[in-house]
Amino acid sequence: ARDIAAETITQLGLAAHVIDQFPAELSGGMQKRVALARAIADKPE
């Protein structure tokens, strides 16, 4: 699961290290991209 998350996050232009950060440590835009990555990682049809 962590590998899929890291791959999806890097596809959205974020560094893979954001996986280890708390949401409060990310900017608003980065938080939105991480939320988008979470939705994409679920592989919706």
PDB file of N, CA and C in Angstrom:
ATOM      1  N   ALA A   1       0.824  -1.192   0.000  1.00  0.00           N
ATOM      2  CA  ALA A   1       0.000   0.000   0.000  1.00  0.00           C
ATOM      3  C   ALA A   1       0.873   1.264   0.000  1.00  0.00           C
ATOM      4  N   ARG A   2       1.953   1.207   0.760  1.00  0.00           N
ATOM      5  CA  ARG A   2       2.838   2.375   0.832  1.00  0.00           C
ATOM      6  C   ARG A   2       3.497   2.655  -0.516  1.00  0.00           C
ATOM      7  N   ASP A   3       3.846   1.595  -1.242  1.00  0.00           N
ATOM      8  CA  ASP A   3       4.459   1.772  -2.559  1.00  0.00           C
ATOM      9  C   ASP A   3       3.485   2.412  -3.543  1.00  0.00           C
ATOM     10  N   ILE A   4       2.236   1.985  -3.500  1.00  0.00           N
ATOM     11  CA  ILE A   4       1.220   2.558  -4.385  1.00  0.00           C
ATOM     12  C   ILE A   4       1.013   4.023  -4.046  1.00  0.00           C
ATOM     13  N   ALA A   5       0.965   4.338  -2.762  1.00  0.00           N
ATOM     14  CA  ALA A   5       0.787   5.725  -2.342  1.00  0.00           C
ATOM     15  C   ALA A   5       1.956   6.588  -2.792  1.00  0.00           C
ATOM     16  N   ALA A   6       3.171   6.094  -2.630  1.00  0.00           N
ATOM     17  CA  ALA A   6       4.354   6.856  -3.037  1.00  0.00           C
ATOM     18  C   ALA A   6       4.363   7.086  -4.541  1.00  0.00           C
ATOM     19  N   GLU A   7       3.997   6.075  -5.303  1.00  0.00           N
ATOM     20  CA  GLU A   7       3.960   6.210  -6.761  1.00  0.00           C
ATOM     21  C   GLU A   7       2.917   7.238  -7.193  1.00  0.00           C
ATOM     22  N   THR A   8       1.743   7.176  -6.595  1.00  0.00           N
ATOM     23  CA  THR A   8       0.673   8.104  -6.949  1.00  0.00           C
ATOM     24  C   THR A   8       1.041   9.530  -6.572  1.00  0.00           C
ATOM     25  N   ILE A   9       1.647   9.706  -5.413  1.00  0.00           N
ATOM     26  CA  ILE A   9       2.040  11.040  -4.963  1.00  0.00           C
ATOM     27  C   ILE A   9       3.100  11.635  -5.880  1.00  0.00           C
ATOM     28  N   THR A  10       4.066  10.828  -6.311  1.00  0.00           N
ATOM     29  CA  THR A  10       5.095  11.355  -7.211  1.00  0.00           C
ATOM     30  C   THR A  10       4.517  11.673  -8.579  1.00  0.00           C
ATOM     31  N   GLN A  11       3.496  10.946  -9.017  1.00  0.00           N
ATOM     32  CA  GLN A  11       2.840  11.252 -10.290  1.00  0.00           C
ATOM     33  C   GLN A  11       2.149  12.611 -10.240  1.00  0.00           C
ATOM     34  N   LEU A  12       1.734  13.034  -9.060  1.00  0.00           N
ATOM     35  CA  LEU A  12       1.067  14.323  -8.905  1.00  0.00           C
ATOM     36  C   LEU A  12       2.047  15.460  -8.642  1.00  0.00           C
ATOM     37  N   GLY A  13       3.336  15.166  -8.712  1.00  0.00           N
ATOM     38  CA  GLY A  13       4.338  16.215  -8.585  1.00  0.00           C
ATOM     39  C   GLY A  13       4.803  16.505  -7.176  1.00  0.00           C
ATOM     40  N   LEU A  14       4.509  15.621  -6.246  1.00  0.00           N
ATOM     41  CA  LEU A  14       4.968  15.800  -4.872  1.00  0.00           C
ATOM     42  C   LEU A  14       6.114  14.838  -4.592  1.00  0.00           C
ATOM     43  N   ALA A  15       6.985  15.214  -3.685  1.00  0.00           N
ATOM     44  CA  ALA A  15       8.077  14.328  -3.283  1.00  0.00           C
ATOM     45  C   ALA A  15       7.511  13.208  -2.409  1.00  0.00           C
ATOM     46  N   ALA A  16       8.093  12.039  -2.500  1.00  0.00           N
ATOM     47  CA  ALA A  16       7.593  10.874  -1.764  1.00  0.00           C
ATOM     48  C   ALA A  16       7.686  11.050  -0.249  1.00  0.00           C
ATOM     49  N   HIS A  17       8.527  11.967   0.215  1.00  0.00           N
ATOM     50  CA  HIS A  17       8.680  12.141   1.666  1.00  0.00           C
ATOM     51  C   HIS A  17       7.437  12.718   2.329  1.00  0.00           C
ATOM     52  N   VAL A  18       6.479  13.240   1.568  1.00  0.00           N
ATOM     53  CA  VAL A  18       5.271  13.790   2.190  1.00  0.00           C
ATOM     54  C   VAL A  18       4.445  12.705   2.868  1.00  0.00           C
ATOM     55  N   ILE A  19       4.696  11.449   2.525  1.00  0.00           N
ATOM     56  CA  ILE A  19       3.978  10.348   3.174  1.00  0.00           C
ATOM     57  C   ILE A  19       4.269  10.338   4.671  1.00  0.00           C
ATOM     58  N   ASP A  20       5.477  10.724   5.043  1.00  0.00           N
ATOM     59  CA  ASP A  20       5.889  10.675   6.443  1.00  0.00           C
ATOM     60  C   ASP A  20       5.570  11.945   7.219  1.00  0.00           C
ATOM     61  N   GLN A  21       4.952  12.924   6.572  1.00  0.00           N
ATOM     62  CA  GLN A  21       4.657  14.185   7.244  1.00  0.00           C
ATOM     63  C   GLN A  21       3.212  14.215   7.729  1.00  0.00           C
ATOM     64  N   PHE A  22       2.986  14.983   8.788  1.00  0.00           N
ATOM     65  CA  PHE A  22       1.640  15.199   9.280  1.00  0.00           C
ATOM     66  C   PHE A  22       0.946  16.219   8.389  1.00  0.00           C
ATOM     67  N   PRO A  23      -0.378  16.164   8.270  1.00  0.00           N
ATOM     68  CA  PRO A  23      -1.092  17.114   7.416  1.00  0.00           C
ATOM     69  C   PRO A  23      -0.806  18.578   7.759  1.00  0.00           C
ATOM     70  N   ALA A  24      -0.614  18.888   9.022  1.00  0.00           N
ATOM     71  CA  ALA A  24      -0.352  20.269   9.426  1.00  0.00           C
ATOM     72  C   ALA A  24       0.996  20.772   8.925  1.00  0.00           C
ATOM     73  N   GLU A  25       1.878  19.860   8.551  1.00  0.00           N
ATOM     74  CA  GLU A  25       3.196  20.241   8.049  1.00  0.00           C
ATOM     75  C   GLU A  25       3.179  20.530   6.549  1.00  0.00           C
ATOM     76  N   LEU A  26       2.057  20.290   5.886  1.00  0.00           N
ATOM     77  CA  LEU A  26       1.944  20.510   4.445  1.00  0.00           C
ATOM     78  C   LEU A  26       1.175  21.793   4.171  1.00  0.00           C
ATOM     79  N   SER A  27       1.472  22.411   3.043  1.00  0.00           N
ATOM     80  CA  SER A  27       0.713  23.594   2.648  1.00  0.00           C
ATOM     81  C   SER A  27      -0.684  23.162   2.210  1.00  0.00           C
ATOM     82  N   GLY A  28      -1.562  24.119   2.058  1.00  0.00           N
ATOM     83  CA  GLY A  28      -2.932  23.813   1.646  1.00  0.00           C
ATOM     84  C   GLY A  28      -2.994  23.116   0.301  1.00  0.00           C
ATOM     85  N   GLY A  29      -2.179  23.581  -0.643  1.00  0.00           N
ATOM     86  CA  GLY A  29      -2.153  22.960  -1.964  1.00  0.00           C
ATOM     87  C   GLY A  29      -1.619  21.543  -1.922  1.00  0.00           C
ATOM     88  N   MET A  30      -0.604  21.328  -1.095  1.00  0.00           N
ATOM     89  CA  MET A  30      -0.045  19.980  -0.963  1.00  0.00           C
ATOM     90  C   MET A  30      -1.065  19.045  -0.316  1.00  0.00           C
ATOM     91  N   GLN A  31      -1.821  19.551   0.645  1.00  0.00           N
ATOM     92  CA  GLN A  31      -2.853  18.737   1.285  1.00  0.00           C
ATOM     93  C   GLN A  31      -3.904  18.312   0.270  1.00  0.00           C
ATOM     94  N   LYS A  32      -4.260  19.227  -0.628  1.00  0.00           N
ATOM     95  CA  LYS A  32      -5.253  18.902  -1.656  1.00  0.00           C
ATOM     96  C   LYS A  32      -4.714  17.852  -2.616  1.00  0.00           C
ATOM     97  N   ARG A  33      -3.436  17.956  -2.987  1.00  0.00           N
ATOM     98  CA  ARG A  33      -2.842  16.967  -3.893  1.00  0.00           C
ATOM     99  C   ARG A  33      -2.746  15.600  -3.227  1.00  0.00           C
ATOM    100  N   VAL A  34      -2.441  15.579  -1.940  1.00  0.00           N
ATOM    101  CA  VAL A  34      -2.394  14.303  -1.221  1.00  0.00           C
ATOM    102  C   VAL A  34      -3.795  13.694  -1.158  1.00  0.00           C
ATOM    103  N   ALA A  35      -4.809  14.515  -0.939  1.00  0.00           N
ATOM    104  CA  ALA A  35      -6.184  14.014  -0.925  1.00  0.00           C
ATOM    105  C   ALA A  35      -6.561  13.449  -2.293  1.00  0.00           C
ATOM    106  N   LEU A  36      -6.135  14.117  -3.349  1.00  0.00           N
ATOM    107  CA  LEU A  36      -6.382  13.628  -4.704  1.00  0.00           C
ATOM    108  C   LEU A  36      -5.660  12.305  -4.932  1.00  0.00           C
ATOM    109  N   ALA A  37      -4.434  12.200  -4.455  1.00  0.00           N
ATOM    110  CA  ALA A  37      -3.670  10.956  -4.591  1.00  0.00           C
ATOM    111  C   ALA A  37      -4.364   9.813  -3.858  1.00  0.00           C
ATOM    112  N   ARG A  38      -4.937  10.110  -2.706  1.00  0.00           N
ATOM    113  CA  ARG A  38      -5.661   9.079  -1.960  1.00  0.00           C
ATOM    114  C   ARG A  38      -6.851   8.575  -2.760  1.00  0.00           C
ATOM    115  N   ALA A  39      -7.547   9.488  -3.421  1.00  0.00           N
ATOM    116  CA  ALA A  39      -8.705   9.098  -4.223  1.00  0.00           C
ATOM    117  C   ALA A  39      -8.282   8.282  -5.444  1.00  0.00           C
ATOM    118  N   ILE A  40      -7.186   8.681  -6.078  1.00  0.00           N
ATOM    119  CA  ILE A  40      -6.705   7.974  -7.263  1.00  0.00           C
ATOM    120  C   ILE A  40      -6.146   6.607  -6.891  1.00  0.00           C
ATOM    121  N   ALA A  41      -5.480   6.507  -5.760  1.00  0.00           N
ATOM    122  CA  ALA A  41      -4.862   5.245  -5.343  1.00  0.00           C
ATOM    123  C   ALA A  41      -5.902   4.158  -5.111  1.00  0.00           C
ATOM    124  N   ASP A  42      -7.135   4.567  -4.856  1.00  0.00           N
ATOM    125  CA  ASP A  42      -8.216   3.608  -4.657  1.00  0.00           C
ATOM    126  C   ASP A  42      -8.613   2.941  -5.971  1.00  0.00           C
ATOM    127  N   LYS A  43      -8.078   3.442  -7.096  1.00  0.00           N
ATOM    128  CA  LYS A  43      -8.329   2.936  -8.448  1.00  0.00           C
ATOM    129  C   LYS A  43      -9.814   2.913  -8.798  1.00  0.00           C
ATOM    130  N   PRO A  44     -10.461   4.073  -8.787  1.00  0.00           N
ATOM    131  CA  PRO A  44     -11.875   4.105  -9.178  1.00  0.00           C
ATOM    132  C   PRO A  44     -12.020   3.778 -10.662  1.00  0.00           C
ATOM    133  N   GLU A  45     -13.081   3.148 -11.005  1.00  0.00           N
ATOM    134  CA  GLU A  45     -13.308   2.758 -12.408  1.00  0.00           C
ATOM    135  C   GLU A  45     -13.861   3.901 -13.218  1.00  0.00           C
TER     136      GLU A  45
END
